[in-house]
Amino acid sequence: MPCSFDYEMRLWDSGVQSVAGVDEAGRGPLAGPVVAAAVVFKRPIELVGLDDSKRLSRKARDRIYETLVSHSDVLFSHSIVGEDVIDRINILRASQEAMRSAVSALRPPPEHVLIDGLTVHPFPIEQTAIVKGDGISFSIAAASVIAKVTRDKIMSAYAIEFPQYGFDQHQGYATADHLAMLRAHGPCRIHRRSFAPVAQATLDL
């Protein structure tokens, strides 16, 4: 099923005027925050190449991001939940908290939310969960792009603060290079201590 406005159109046709797509980036990495974004299209617009951010090249994501955040018919917000909260409440709850916060930041608030993945409880607004929704709904795909690009910018900034880890290359994911640097230097301030490879690296020091 190709990415489209099908889910949004059904809601618009039923009388729902404002529909937000919600997605997150950064559940899997060993370091850095999880970021969620919420996007409302005031009307269907044409965005060439819009799709699940994981299917897009960095250049394509950056291009679509700039179009989204500057378009007069697009409302968006994002929320950042740091590694300290992730370690305290776990990554699933942190991701859901980021989603709730991103939606709550939209003004005006949406009437319905399309969420990538599974239903989030509790949630302040009526929701429809769509498995692999970032490749099905344009609103969720747009949220996935904004969340991903926002998080990548954060990790690039951390790469300057912690140059020994190469965060701008792997964004904190458990690549071979990152694991090697983690073993060599131990974890830094932004590593998720509750994640097994980080905990093991701490023990090995």
N, C-alpha and C. Protein backbone atom coordinates (compact mmCIF):
# COMPACT_ATOMS: atom_id res chain seq x y z
N MET A 1 0.85 -1.20 0.00
CA MET A 1 0.00 0.00 0.00
C MET A 1 0.88 1.25 0.00
N PRO A 2 0.82 2.07 -1.04
CA PRO A 2 1.69 3.25 -1.11
C PRO A 2 1.25 4.32 -0.13
N CYS A 3 2.16 5.20 0.20
CA CYS A 3 1.88 6.31 1.09
C CYS A 3 0.87 7.25 0.43
N SER A 4 -0.13 7.69 1.19
CA SER A 4 -1.19 8.51 0.62
C SER A 4 -1.91 9.28 1.73
N PHE A 5 -2.92 10.06 1.32
CA PHE A 5 -3.80 10.74 2.26
C PHE A 5 -5.09 9.95 2.50
N ASP A 6 -5.11 8.65 2.22
CA ASP A 6 -6.34 7.87 2.32
C ASP A 6 -6.95 7.93 3.71
N TYR A 7 -6.15 7.68 4.75
CA TYR A 7 -6.68 7.71 6.12
C TYR A 7 -7.17 9.11 6.48
N GLU A 8 -6.40 10.12 6.09
CA GLU A 8 -6.80 11.49 6.38
C GLU A 8 -8.10 11.84 5.67
N MET A 9 -8.23 11.42 4.40
CA MET A 9 -9.43 11.74 3.62
C MET A 9 -10.68 11.13 4.25
N ARG A 10 -10.55 9.92 4.76
CA ARG A 10 -11.72 9.29 5.39
C ARG A 10 -12.16 10.09 6.61
N LEU A 11 -11.20 10.56 7.38
CA LEU A 11 -11.55 11.36 8.56
C LEU A 11 -12.10 12.72 8.15
N TRP A 12 -11.46 13.37 7.17
CA TRP A 12 -11.98 14.65 6.68
C TRP A 12 -13.41 14.50 6.17
N ASP A 13 -13.65 13.44 5.41
CA ASP A 13 -14.99 13.22 4.84
C ASP A 13 -16.03 12.95 5.92
N SER A 14 -15.58 12.43 7.08
CA SER A 14 -16.52 12.15 8.17
C SER A 14 -16.81 13.39 9.02
N GLY A 15 -16.15 14.49 8.71
CA GLY A 15 -16.38 15.73 9.44
C GLY A 15 -15.26 16.15 10.37
N VAL A 16 -14.23 15.31 10.50
CA VAL A 16 -13.06 15.68 11.31
C VAL A 16 -12.21 16.66 10.50
N GLN A 17 -12.00 17.83 11.03
CA GLN A 17 -11.31 18.85 10.25
C GLN A 17 -9.79 18.84 10.42
N SER A 18 -9.32 18.44 11.59
CA SER A 18 -7.89 18.51 11.89
C SER A 18 -7.37 17.14 12.29
N VAL A 19 -6.48 16.59 11.46
CA VAL A 19 -5.91 15.26 11.68
C VAL A 19 -4.39 15.39 11.79
N ALA A 20 -3.83 14.85 12.85
CA ALA A 20 -2.38 14.90 13.04
C ALA A 20 -1.78 13.51 12.84
N GLY A 21 -0.63 13.47 12.19
CA GLY A 21 0.17 12.26 12.13
C GLY A 21 1.27 12.36 13.16
N VAL A 22 1.57 11.25 13.84
CA VAL A 22 2.57 11.25 14.91
C VAL A 22 3.53 10.09 14.72
N ASP A 23 4.82 10.36 14.88
CA ASP A 23 5.83 9.31 14.82
C ASP A 23 7.02 9.74 15.68
N GLU A 24 7.89 8.78 15.95
CA GLU A 24 9.08 9.06 16.74
C GLU A 24 10.33 8.58 16.04
N ALA A 25 11.46 9.08 16.49
CA ALA A 25 12.76 8.63 16.00
C ALA A 25 13.67 8.45 17.20
N GLY A 26 14.41 7.34 17.22
CA GLY A 26 15.40 7.17 18.26
C GLY A 26 15.06 6.17 19.34
N ARG A 27 14.21 5.20 19.05
CA ARG A 27 13.93 4.18 20.07
C ARG A 27 15.11 3.22 20.23
N GLY A 28 15.82 2.95 19.13
CA GLY A 28 16.83 1.92 19.16
C GLY A 28 18.23 2.31 19.57
N PRO A 29 18.65 3.57 19.43
CA PRO A 29 20.04 3.93 19.71
C PRO A 29 20.46 3.69 21.15
N LEU A 30 21.77 3.64 21.35
CA LEU A 30 22.35 3.48 22.68
C LEU A 30 22.61 4.82 23.36
N ALA A 31 22.44 5.91 22.61
CA ALA A 31 22.74 7.23 23.15
C ALA A 31 21.79 8.27 22.59
N GLY A 32 21.61 9.34 23.34
CA GLY A 32 20.80 10.46 22.88
C GLY A 32 19.32 10.30 23.18
N PRO A 33 18.55 11.33 22.83
CA PRO A 33 17.13 11.35 23.17
C PRO A 33 16.28 10.58 22.17
N VAL A 34 15.02 10.40 22.54
CA VAL A 34 14.00 9.98 21.59
C VAL A 34 13.21 11.24 21.24
N VAL A 35 12.90 11.41 19.97
CA VAL A 35 12.21 12.60 19.49
C VAL A 35 10.92 12.19 18.79
N ALA A 36 9.83 12.84 19.13
CA ALA A 36 8.56 12.61 18.45
C ALA A 36 8.12 13.88 17.75
N ALA A 37 7.41 13.73 16.66
CA ALA A 37 6.87 14.88 15.94
C ALA A 37 5.41 14.64 15.62
N ALA A 38 4.67 15.72 15.52
CA ALA A 38 3.27 15.68 15.12
C ALA A 38 3.07 16.66 13.98
N VAL A 39 2.34 16.24 12.95
CA VAL A 39 2.16 17.06 11.75
C VAL A 39 0.69 17.07 11.35
N VAL A 40 0.17 18.27 11.07
CA VAL A 40 -1.18 18.44 10.56
C VAL A 40 -1.11 19.11 9.20
N PHE A 41 -1.71 18.48 8.20
CA PHE A 41 -1.88 19.11 6.89
C PHE A 41 -3.24 19.80 6.88
N LYS A 42 -3.25 21.11 6.64
CA LYS A 42 -4.52 21.82 6.56
C LYS A 42 -5.33 21.38 5.35
N ARG A 43 -4.63 20.94 4.33
CA ARG A 43 -5.25 20.40 3.12
C ARG A 43 -4.25 19.47 2.48
N PRO A 44 -4.69 18.59 1.57
CA PRO A 44 -3.72 17.74 0.87
C PRO A 44 -2.77 18.59 0.03
N ILE A 45 -1.49 18.36 0.16
CA ILE A 45 -0.52 19.05 -0.68
C ILE A 45 0.38 18.01 -1.34
N GLU A 46 1.02 18.41 -2.40
CA GLU A 46 1.92 17.49 -3.10
C GLU A 46 3.34 17.67 -2.58
N LEU A 47 3.89 16.59 -2.07
CA LEU A 47 5.27 16.59 -1.62
C LEU A 47 5.98 15.43 -2.30
N VAL A 48 6.74 15.72 -3.32
CA VAL A 48 7.39 14.69 -4.11
C VAL A 48 8.36 13.90 -3.24
N GLY A 49 8.17 12.58 -3.21
CA GLY A 49 9.10 11.71 -2.50
C GLY A 49 8.79 11.48 -1.04
N LEU A 50 7.74 12.10 -0.49
CA LEU A 50 7.43 11.92 0.93
C LEU A 50 7.12 10.46 1.21
N ASP A 51 7.80 9.90 2.20
CA ASP A 51 7.64 8.49 2.56
C ASP A 51 8.22 8.30 3.95
N ASP A 52 8.14 7.08 4.44
CA ASP A 52 8.80 6.70 5.68
C ASP A 52 10.25 7.20 5.65
N SER A 53 10.65 7.92 6.69
CA SER A 53 11.99 8.53 6.69
C SER A 53 13.10 7.49 6.52
N LYS A 54 12.85 6.26 6.97
CA LYS A 54 13.88 5.22 6.86
C LYS A 54 14.12 4.80 5.41
N ARG A 55 13.18 5.09 4.54
CA ARG A 55 13.33 4.74 3.13
C ARG A 55 14.01 5.85 2.33
N LEU A 56 14.23 6.98 2.95
CA LEU A 56 14.74 8.15 2.24
C LEU A 56 16.23 8.35 2.51
N SER A 57 16.91 8.90 1.53
CA SER A 57 18.30 9.30 1.74
C SER A 57 18.33 10.53 2.63
N ARG A 58 19.49 10.80 3.20
CA ARG A 58 19.61 11.98 4.05
C ARG A 58 19.29 13.25 3.26
N LYS A 59 19.73 13.31 2.02
CA LYS A 59 19.47 14.49 1.19
C LYS A 59 17.98 14.67 0.97
N ALA A 60 17.28 13.57 0.68
CA ALA A 60 15.83 13.64 0.45
C ALA A 60 15.10 14.04 1.73
N ARG A 61 15.52 13.47 2.87
CA ARG A 61 14.88 13.84 4.14
C ARG A 61 15.05 15.33 4.43
N ASP A 62 16.26 15.82 4.22
CA ASP A 62 16.53 17.24 4.50
C ASP A 62 15.68 18.14 3.58
N ARG A 63 15.56 17.75 2.32
CA ARG A 63 14.76 18.54 1.37
C ARG A 63 13.30 18.57 1.80
N ILE A 64 12.75 17.41 2.12
CA ILE A 64 11.34 17.33 2.52
C ILE A 64 11.12 18.05 3.84
N TYR A 65 12.07 17.91 4.76
CA TYR A 65 11.97 18.62 6.05
C TYR A 65 11.84 20.12 5.83
N GLU A 66 12.71 20.68 5.01
CA GLU A 66 12.68 22.13 4.79
C GLU A 66 11.36 22.56 4.16
N THR A 67 10.82 21.74 3.27
CA THR A 67 9.52 22.06 2.68
C THR A 67 8.42 22.02 3.73
N LEU A 68 8.42 20.99 4.56
CA LEU A 68 7.38 20.84 5.58
C LEU A 68 7.38 21.99 6.57
N VAL A 69 8.55 22.33 7.10
CA VAL A 69 8.59 23.32 8.18
C VAL A 69 8.37 24.75 7.67
N SER A 70 8.41 24.95 6.36
CA SER A 70 8.21 26.29 5.80
C SER A 70 6.88 26.44 5.07
N HIS A 71 6.10 25.37 4.98
CA HIS A 71 4.86 25.39 4.19
C HIS A 71 3.71 25.97 5.02
N SER A 72 2.96 26.89 4.43
CA SER A 72 1.87 27.55 5.15
C SER A 72 0.70 26.63 5.46
N ASP A 73 0.60 25.51 4.78
CA ASP A 73 -0.50 24.56 5.01
C ASP A 73 -0.08 23.39 5.89
N VAL A 74 1.06 23.52 6.56
CA VAL A 74 1.54 22.46 7.45
C VAL A 74 1.75 23.02 8.85
N LEU A 75 1.12 22.38 9.84
CA LEU A 75 1.38 22.68 11.24
C LEU A 75 2.22 21.54 11.80
N PHE A 76 3.21 21.86 12.64
CA PHE A 76 4.04 20.79 13.17
C PHE A 76 4.55 21.16 14.56
N SER A 77 4.93 20.16 15.30
CA SER A 77 5.58 20.34 16.59
C SER A 77 6.45 19.13 16.83
N HIS A 78 7.36 19.26 17.78
CA HIS A 78 8.14 18.09 18.16
C HIS A 78 8.42 18.13 19.65
N SER A 79 8.78 16.97 20.19
CA SER A 79 9.08 16.85 21.61
C SER A 79 10.31 15.98 21.78
N ILE A 80 11.17 16.35 22.71
CA ILE A 80 12.43 15.65 22.95
C ILE A 80 12.42 15.10 24.37
N VAL A 81 12.63 13.80 24.51
CA VAL A 81 12.73 13.17 25.83
C VAL A 81 14.14 12.60 25.95
N GLY A 82 14.87 13.05 26.94
CA GLY A 82 16.28 12.74 27.07
C GLY A 82 16.59 11.37 27.64
N GLU A 83 17.88 11.04 27.57
CA GLU A 83 18.33 9.72 27.99
C GLU A 83 18.13 9.49 29.49
N ASP A 84 18.12 10.54 30.28
CA ASP A 84 17.87 10.37 31.72
C ASP A 84 16.47 9.86 31.99
N VAL A 85 15.50 10.39 31.24
CA VAL A 85 14.12 9.92 31.39
C VAL A 85 13.97 8.52 30.82
N ILE A 86 14.62 8.26 29.69
CA ILE A 86 14.59 6.92 29.09
C ILE A 86 15.08 5.88 30.09
N ASP A 87 16.17 6.19 30.78
CA ASP A 87 16.72 5.26 31.77
C ASP A 87 15.79 5.09 32.96
N ARG A 88 15.06 6.13 33.28
CA ARG A 88 14.20 6.07 34.46
C ARG A 88 12.88 5.34 34.21
N ILE A 89 12.26 5.55 33.03
CA ILE A 89 10.91 5.00 32.81
C ILE A 89 10.86 3.96 31.70
N ASN A 90 11.93 3.73 30.99
CA ASN A 90 12.14 2.81 29.86
C ASN A 90 11.79 3.47 28.53
N ILE A 91 12.32 2.91 27.46
CA ILE A 91 12.24 3.56 26.15
C ILE A 91 10.83 3.59 25.59
N LEU A 92 10.03 2.54 25.85
CA LEU A 92 8.65 2.54 25.34
C LEU A 92 7.84 3.67 25.96
N ARG A 93 7.90 3.78 27.28
CA ARG A 93 7.16 4.85 27.94
C ARG A 93 7.68 6.22 27.56
N ALA A 94 8.99 6.34 27.39
CA ALA A 94 9.57 7.62 26.98
C ALA A 94 9.11 8.01 25.59
N SER A 95 9.05 7.03 24.68
CA SER A 95 8.58 7.30 23.31
C SER A 95 7.13 7.76 23.33
N GLN A 96 6.30 7.10 24.14
CA GLN A 96 4.90 7.48 24.22
C GLN A 96 4.73 8.85 24.86
N GLU A 97 5.56 9.17 25.85
CA GLU A 97 5.51 10.50 26.45
C GLU A 97 5.89 11.57 25.44
N ALA A 98 6.88 11.28 24.61
CA ALA A 98 7.27 12.23 23.57
C ALA A 98 6.14 12.45 22.57
N MET A 99 5.43 11.37 22.22
CA MET A 99 4.29 11.50 21.30
C MET A 99 3.19 12.35 21.90
N ARG A 100 2.86 12.09 23.16
CA ARG A 100 1.81 12.88 23.82
C ARG A 100 2.20 14.35 23.87
N SER A 101 3.45 14.63 24.20
CA SER A 101 3.91 16.01 24.32
C SER A 101 3.91 16.73 22.97
N ALA A 102 4.30 16.00 21.93
CA ALA A 102 4.31 16.61 20.59
C ALA A 102 2.90 17.00 20.16
N VAL A 103 1.94 16.12 20.40
CA VAL A 103 0.55 16.42 20.03
C VAL A 103 0.01 17.56 20.88
N SER A 104 0.31 17.55 22.17
CA SER A 104 -0.18 18.60 23.07
C SER A 104 0.35 19.97 22.70
N ALA A 105 1.49 20.01 22.01
CA ALA A 105 2.10 21.30 21.63
C ALA A 105 1.48 21.91 20.38
N LEU A 106 0.67 21.14 19.65
CA LEU A 106 0.04 21.68 18.44
C LEU A 106 -1.02 22.71 18.80
N ARG A 107 -1.02 23.82 18.08
CA ARG A 107 -2.03 24.85 18.26
C ARG A 107 -2.58 25.28 16.91
N PRO A 108 -3.90 25.13 16.69
CA PRO A 108 -4.88 24.54 17.61
C PRO A 108 -4.69 23.04 17.73
N PRO A 109 -5.21 22.41 18.80
CA PRO A 109 -5.05 20.96 18.94
C PRO A 109 -5.84 20.22 17.86
N PRO A 110 -5.34 19.08 17.41
CA PRO A 110 -6.05 18.29 16.40
C PRO A 110 -7.27 17.59 17.01
N GLU A 111 -8.17 17.17 16.14
CA GLU A 111 -9.35 16.43 16.59
C GLU A 111 -9.11 14.92 16.59
N HIS A 112 -8.16 14.47 15.80
CA HIS A 112 -7.88 13.03 15.69
C HIS A 112 -6.39 12.87 15.38
N VAL A 113 -5.83 11.77 15.86
CA VAL A 113 -4.41 11.51 15.66
C VAL A 113 -4.21 10.15 15.00
N LEU A 114 -3.35 10.12 14.00
CA LEU A 114 -2.90 8.88 13.38
C LEU A 114 -1.52 8.58 13.93
N ILE A 115 -1.37 7.42 14.56
CA ILE A 115 -0.13 7.08 15.26
C ILE A 115 0.56 5.92 14.56
N ASP A 116 1.85 6.04 14.36
CA ASP A 116 2.62 4.93 13.80
C ASP A 116 2.78 3.84 14.85
N GLY A 117 2.43 2.61 14.47
CA GLY A 117 2.63 1.49 15.38
C GLY A 117 1.37 1.10 16.11
N LEU A 118 1.50 0.96 17.44
CA LEU A 118 0.40 0.47 18.27
C LEU A 118 -0.27 1.61 19.03
N THR A 119 -1.47 1.34 19.51
CA THR A 119 -2.22 2.33 20.28
C THR A 119 -1.44 2.77 21.51
N VAL A 120 -1.50 4.05 21.82
CA VAL A 120 -0.82 4.62 22.98
C VAL A 120 -1.86 4.95 24.05
N HIS A 121 -1.67 4.42 25.24
CA HIS A 121 -2.57 4.71 26.36
C HIS A 121 -1.74 5.18 27.56
N PRO A 122 -2.21 6.22 28.24
CA PRO A 122 -3.34 7.07 27.87
C PRO A 122 -2.94 8.04 26.76
N PHE A 123 -3.95 8.61 26.09
CA PHE A 123 -3.67 9.60 25.05
C PHE A 123 -4.77 10.65 25.11
N PRO A 124 -4.44 11.94 24.97
CA PRO A 124 -5.42 12.99 25.20
C PRO A 124 -6.44 13.19 24.08
N ILE A 125 -6.21 12.59 22.92
CA ILE A 125 -7.06 12.82 21.75
C ILE A 125 -7.38 11.47 21.12
N GLU A 126 -8.55 11.37 20.49
CA GLU A 126 -8.94 10.14 19.81
C GLU A 126 -7.87 9.76 18.79
N GLN A 127 -7.55 8.48 18.74
CA GLN A 127 -6.43 8.04 17.91
C GLN A 127 -6.78 6.84 17.05
N THR A 128 -6.03 6.70 15.97
CA THR A 128 -6.04 5.50 15.14
C THR A 128 -4.59 5.05 15.00
N ALA A 129 -4.28 3.85 15.45
CA ALA A 129 -2.93 3.32 15.33
C ALA A 129 -2.81 2.54 14.03
N ILE A 130 -1.73 2.77 13.30
CA ILE A 130 -1.51 2.12 12.00
C ILE A 130 -0.13 1.47 12.02
N VAL A 131 -0.09 0.15 11.98
CA VAL A 131 1.18 -0.56 11.94
C VAL A 131 1.90 -0.20 10.64
N LYS A 132 3.17 0.19 10.76
CA LYS A 132 3.96 0.67 9.62
C LYS A 132 3.30 1.88 8.95
N GLY A 133 2.66 2.69 9.79
CA GLY A 133 1.92 3.84 9.28
C GLY A 133 2.78 4.89 8.61
N ASP A 134 4.09 4.92 8.95
CA ASP A 134 4.97 5.91 8.32
C ASP A 134 5.18 5.64 6.84
N GLY A 135 4.79 4.47 6.36
CA GLY A 135 4.84 4.18 4.93
C GLY A 135 3.46 4.14 4.30
N ILE A 136 2.43 4.51 5.07
CA ILE A 136 1.04 4.43 4.59
C ILE A 136 0.37 5.79 4.59
N SER A 137 0.54 6.54 5.68
CA SER A 137 -0.10 7.85 5.84
C SER A 137 0.90 8.97 5.61
N PHE A 138 0.53 9.92 4.75
CA PHE A 138 1.42 11.06 4.51
C PHE A 138 1.66 11.87 5.79
N SER A 139 0.64 11.98 6.65
CA SER A 139 0.81 12.76 7.88
C SER A 139 1.83 12.10 8.80
N ILE A 140 1.74 10.77 8.93
CA ILE A 140 2.71 10.06 9.76
C ILE A 140 4.09 10.10 9.12
N ALA A 141 4.16 9.93 7.81
CA ALA A 141 5.44 10.00 7.11
C ALA A 141 6.10 11.36 7.33
N ALA A 142 5.30 12.43 7.26
CA ALA A 142 5.85 13.77 7.50
C ALA A 142 6.38 13.89 8.92
N ALA A 143 5.64 13.33 9.88
CA ALA A 143 6.11 13.35 11.26
C ALA A 143 7.40 12.56 11.42
N SER A 144 7.51 11.44 10.70
CA SER A 144 8.73 10.64 10.79
C SER A 144 9.93 11.40 10.26
N VAL A 145 9.74 12.18 9.21
CA VAL A 145 10.84 12.98 8.64
C VAL A 145 11.26 14.08 9.62
N ILE A 146 10.28 14.80 10.17
CA ILE A 146 10.62 15.88 11.10
C ILE A 146 11.30 15.33 12.34
N ALA A 147 10.80 14.21 12.87
CA ALA A 147 11.42 13.61 14.05
C ALA A 147 12.84 13.16 13.76
N LYS A 148 13.04 12.50 12.63
CA LYS A 148 14.36 11.98 12.27
C LYS A 148 15.37 13.10 12.04
N VAL A 149 15.00 14.10 11.26
CA VAL A 149 15.93 15.20 10.97
C VAL A 149 16.25 15.99 12.24
N THR A 150 15.23 16.22 13.07
CA THR A 150 15.46 16.92 14.33
C THR A 150 16.44 16.16 15.20
N ARG A 151 16.25 14.85 15.31
CA ARG A 151 17.16 14.05 16.14
C ARG A 151 18.56 14.00 15.55
N ASP A 152 18.67 13.88 14.23
CA ASP A 152 19.99 13.85 13.60
C ASP A 152 20.76 15.15 13.88
N LYS A 153 20.06 16.28 13.89
CA LYS A 153 20.71 17.55 14.19
C LYS A 153 21.22 17.56 15.63
N ILE A 154 20.43 17.01 16.54
CA ILE A 154 20.86 16.93 17.94
C ILE A 154 22.11 16.08 18.06
N MET A 155 22.13 14.93 17.37
CA MET A 155 23.28 14.03 17.47
C MET A 155 24.51 14.63 16.80
N SER A 156 24.33 15.42 15.75
CA SER A 156 25.47 16.09 15.13
C SER A 156 26.09 17.11 16.08
N ALA A 157 25.24 17.77 16.86
CA ALA A 157 25.76 18.70 17.87
C ALA A 157 26.52 17.94 18.96
N TYR A 158 26.00 16.78 19.36
CA TYR A 158 26.70 15.97 20.36
C TYR A 158 28.03 15.44 19.81
N ALA A 159 28.12 15.26 18.50
CA ALA A 159 29.37 14.79 17.90
C ALA A 159 30.49 15.81 18.11
N ILE A 160 30.15 17.07 18.19
CA ILE A 160 31.15 18.10 18.46
C ILE A 160 31.56 18.07 19.93
N GLU A 161 30.58 17.85 20.81
CA GLU A 161 30.86 17.81 22.24
C GLU A 161 31.62 16.55 22.63
N PHE A 162 31.29 15.43 21.98
CA PHE A 162 31.92 14.13 22.28
C PHE A 162 32.50 13.53 21.00
N PRO A 163 33.57 14.11 20.45
CA PRO A 163 34.07 13.72 19.13
C PRO A 163 34.57 12.28 19.04
N GLN A 164 34.91 11.67 20.16
CA GLN A 164 35.49 10.32 20.12
C GLN A 164 34.49 9.24 19.73
N TYR A 165 33.18 9.56 19.75
CA TYR A 165 32.17 8.53 19.48
C TYR A 165 31.62 8.55 18.06
N GLY A 166 31.80 9.63 17.33
CA GLY A 166 31.29 9.69 15.96
C GLY A 166 29.78 9.72 15.85
N PHE A 167 29.13 10.44 16.75
CA PHE A 167 27.66 10.44 16.77
C PHE A 167 27.04 10.98 15.48
N ASP A 168 27.76 11.82 14.75
CA ASP A 168 27.22 12.34 13.49
C ASP A 168 27.21 11.28 12.39
N GLN A 169 27.92 10.18 12.60
CA GLN A 169 27.97 9.12 11.59
C GLN A 169 26.91 8.04 11.85
N HIS A 170 26.69 7.69 13.12
CA HIS A 170 25.76 6.59 13.40
C HIS A 170 24.57 7.01 14.25
N GLN A 171 24.52 8.29 14.67
CA GLN A 171 23.40 8.84 15.44
C GLN A 171 23.12 8.06 16.73
N GLY A 172 24.12 7.37 17.24
CA GLY A 172 23.95 6.67 18.49
C GLY A 172 23.53 5.22 18.38
N TYR A 173 23.28 4.76 17.16
CA TYR A 173 22.89 3.35 16.97
C TYR A 173 24.08 2.43 17.24
N ALA A 174 23.78 1.17 17.45
CA ALA A 174 24.80 0.20 17.86
C ALA A 174 25.58 -0.35 16.67
N THR A 175 26.25 0.52 15.93
CA THR A 175 27.10 0.08 14.83
C THR A 175 28.39 -0.51 15.40
N ALA A 176 29.13 -1.20 14.56
CA ALA A 176 30.40 -1.77 14.99
C ALA A 176 31.35 -0.69 15.48
N ASP A 177 31.41 0.44 14.76
CA ASP A 177 32.29 1.53 15.16
C ASP A 177 31.88 2.11 16.51
N HIS A 178 30.58 2.30 16.69
CA HIS A 178 30.11 2.86 17.96
C HIS A 178 30.42 1.92 19.12
N LEU A 179 30.18 0.65 18.93
CA LEU A 179 30.46 -0.32 19.99
C LEU A 179 31.95 -0.35 20.32
N ALA A 180 32.80 -0.22 19.30
CA ALA A 180 34.24 -0.20 19.53
C ALA A 180 34.64 1.03 20.35
N MET A 181 34.06 2.19 20.00
CA MET A 181 34.36 3.41 20.75
C MET A 181 33.81 3.34 22.17
N LEU A 182 32.67 2.69 22.32
CA LEU A 182 32.08 2.53 23.65
C LEU A 182 32.98 1.66 24.53
N ARG A 183 33.53 0.60 23.94
CA ARG A 183 34.45 -0.26 24.70
C ARG A 183 35.75 0.47 25.03
N ALA A 184 36.20 1.32 24.10
CA ALA A 184 37.48 2.01 24.30
C ALA A 184 37.38 3.14 25.32
N HIS A 185 36.27 3.87 25.29
CA HIS A 185 36.16 5.08 26.11
C HIS A 185 35.14 4.98 27.23
N GLY A 186 34.31 3.93 27.21
CA GLY A 186 33.22 3.87 28.17
C GLY A 186 32.11 4.83 27.76
N PRO A 187 30.99 4.80 28.48
CA PRO A 187 29.87 5.67 28.11
C PRO A 187 30.11 7.12 28.50
N CYS A 188 29.50 8.03 27.75
CA CYS A 188 29.53 9.46 28.08
C CYS A 188 28.18 9.86 28.66
N ARG A 189 28.01 11.13 28.87
CA ARG A 189 26.81 11.64 29.53
C ARG A 189 25.52 11.29 28.82
N ILE A 190 25.52 11.16 27.50
CA ILE A 190 24.27 10.96 26.78
C ILE A 190 23.99 9.49 26.48
N HIS A 191 24.84 8.57 26.92
CA HIS A 191 24.56 7.16 26.70
C HIS A 191 23.44 6.70 27.63
N ARG A 192 22.64 5.76 27.13
CA ARG A 192 21.51 5.21 27.88
C ARG A 192 22.01 4.06 28.76
N ARG A 193 22.17 4.33 30.04
CA ARG A 193 22.77 3.35 30.95
C ARG A 193 21.93 2.10 31.12
N SER A 194 20.62 2.18 30.83
CA SER A 194 19.74 1.02 30.98
C SER A 194 19.81 0.07 29.80
N PHE A 195 20.53 0.46 28.72
CA PHE A 195 20.64 -0.41 27.55
C PHE A 195 21.84 -1.34 27.75
N ALA A 196 21.64 -2.61 27.43
CA ALA A 196 22.62 -3.65 27.77
C ALA A 196 24.03 -3.37 27.29
N PRO A 197 24.26 -2.98 26.02
CA PRO A 197 25.66 -2.75 25.61
C PRO A 197 26.35 -1.63 26.39
N VAL A 198 25.58 -0.63 26.80
CA VAL A 198 26.16 0.47 27.60
C VAL A 198 26.47 -0.02 29.00
N ALA A 199 25.54 -0.77 29.58
CA ALA A 199 25.76 -1.32 30.92
C ALA A 199 26.96 -2.23 30.94
N GLN A 200 27.12 -3.03 29.89
CA GLN A 200 28.26 -3.95 29.82
C GLN A 200 29.56 -3.19 29.69
N ALA A 201 29.55 -2.14 28.87
CA ALA A 201 30.77 -1.33 28.70
C ALA A 201 31.18 -0.70 30.01
N THR A 202 30.20 -0.31 30.82
CA THR A 202 30.50 0.26 32.12
C THR A 202 31.16 -0.76 33.03
N LEU A 203 30.66 -2.00 32.99
CA LEU A 203 31.23 -3.07 33.81
C LEU A 203 32.64 -3.44 33.37
N ASP A 204 32.91 -3.30 32.06
CA ASP A 204 34.20 -3.72 31.52
C ASP A 204 35.32 -2.73 31.82
N LEU A 205 34.98 -1.53 32.24
CA LEU A 205 36.01 -0.51 32.49
C LEU A 205 36.83 -0.84 33.73
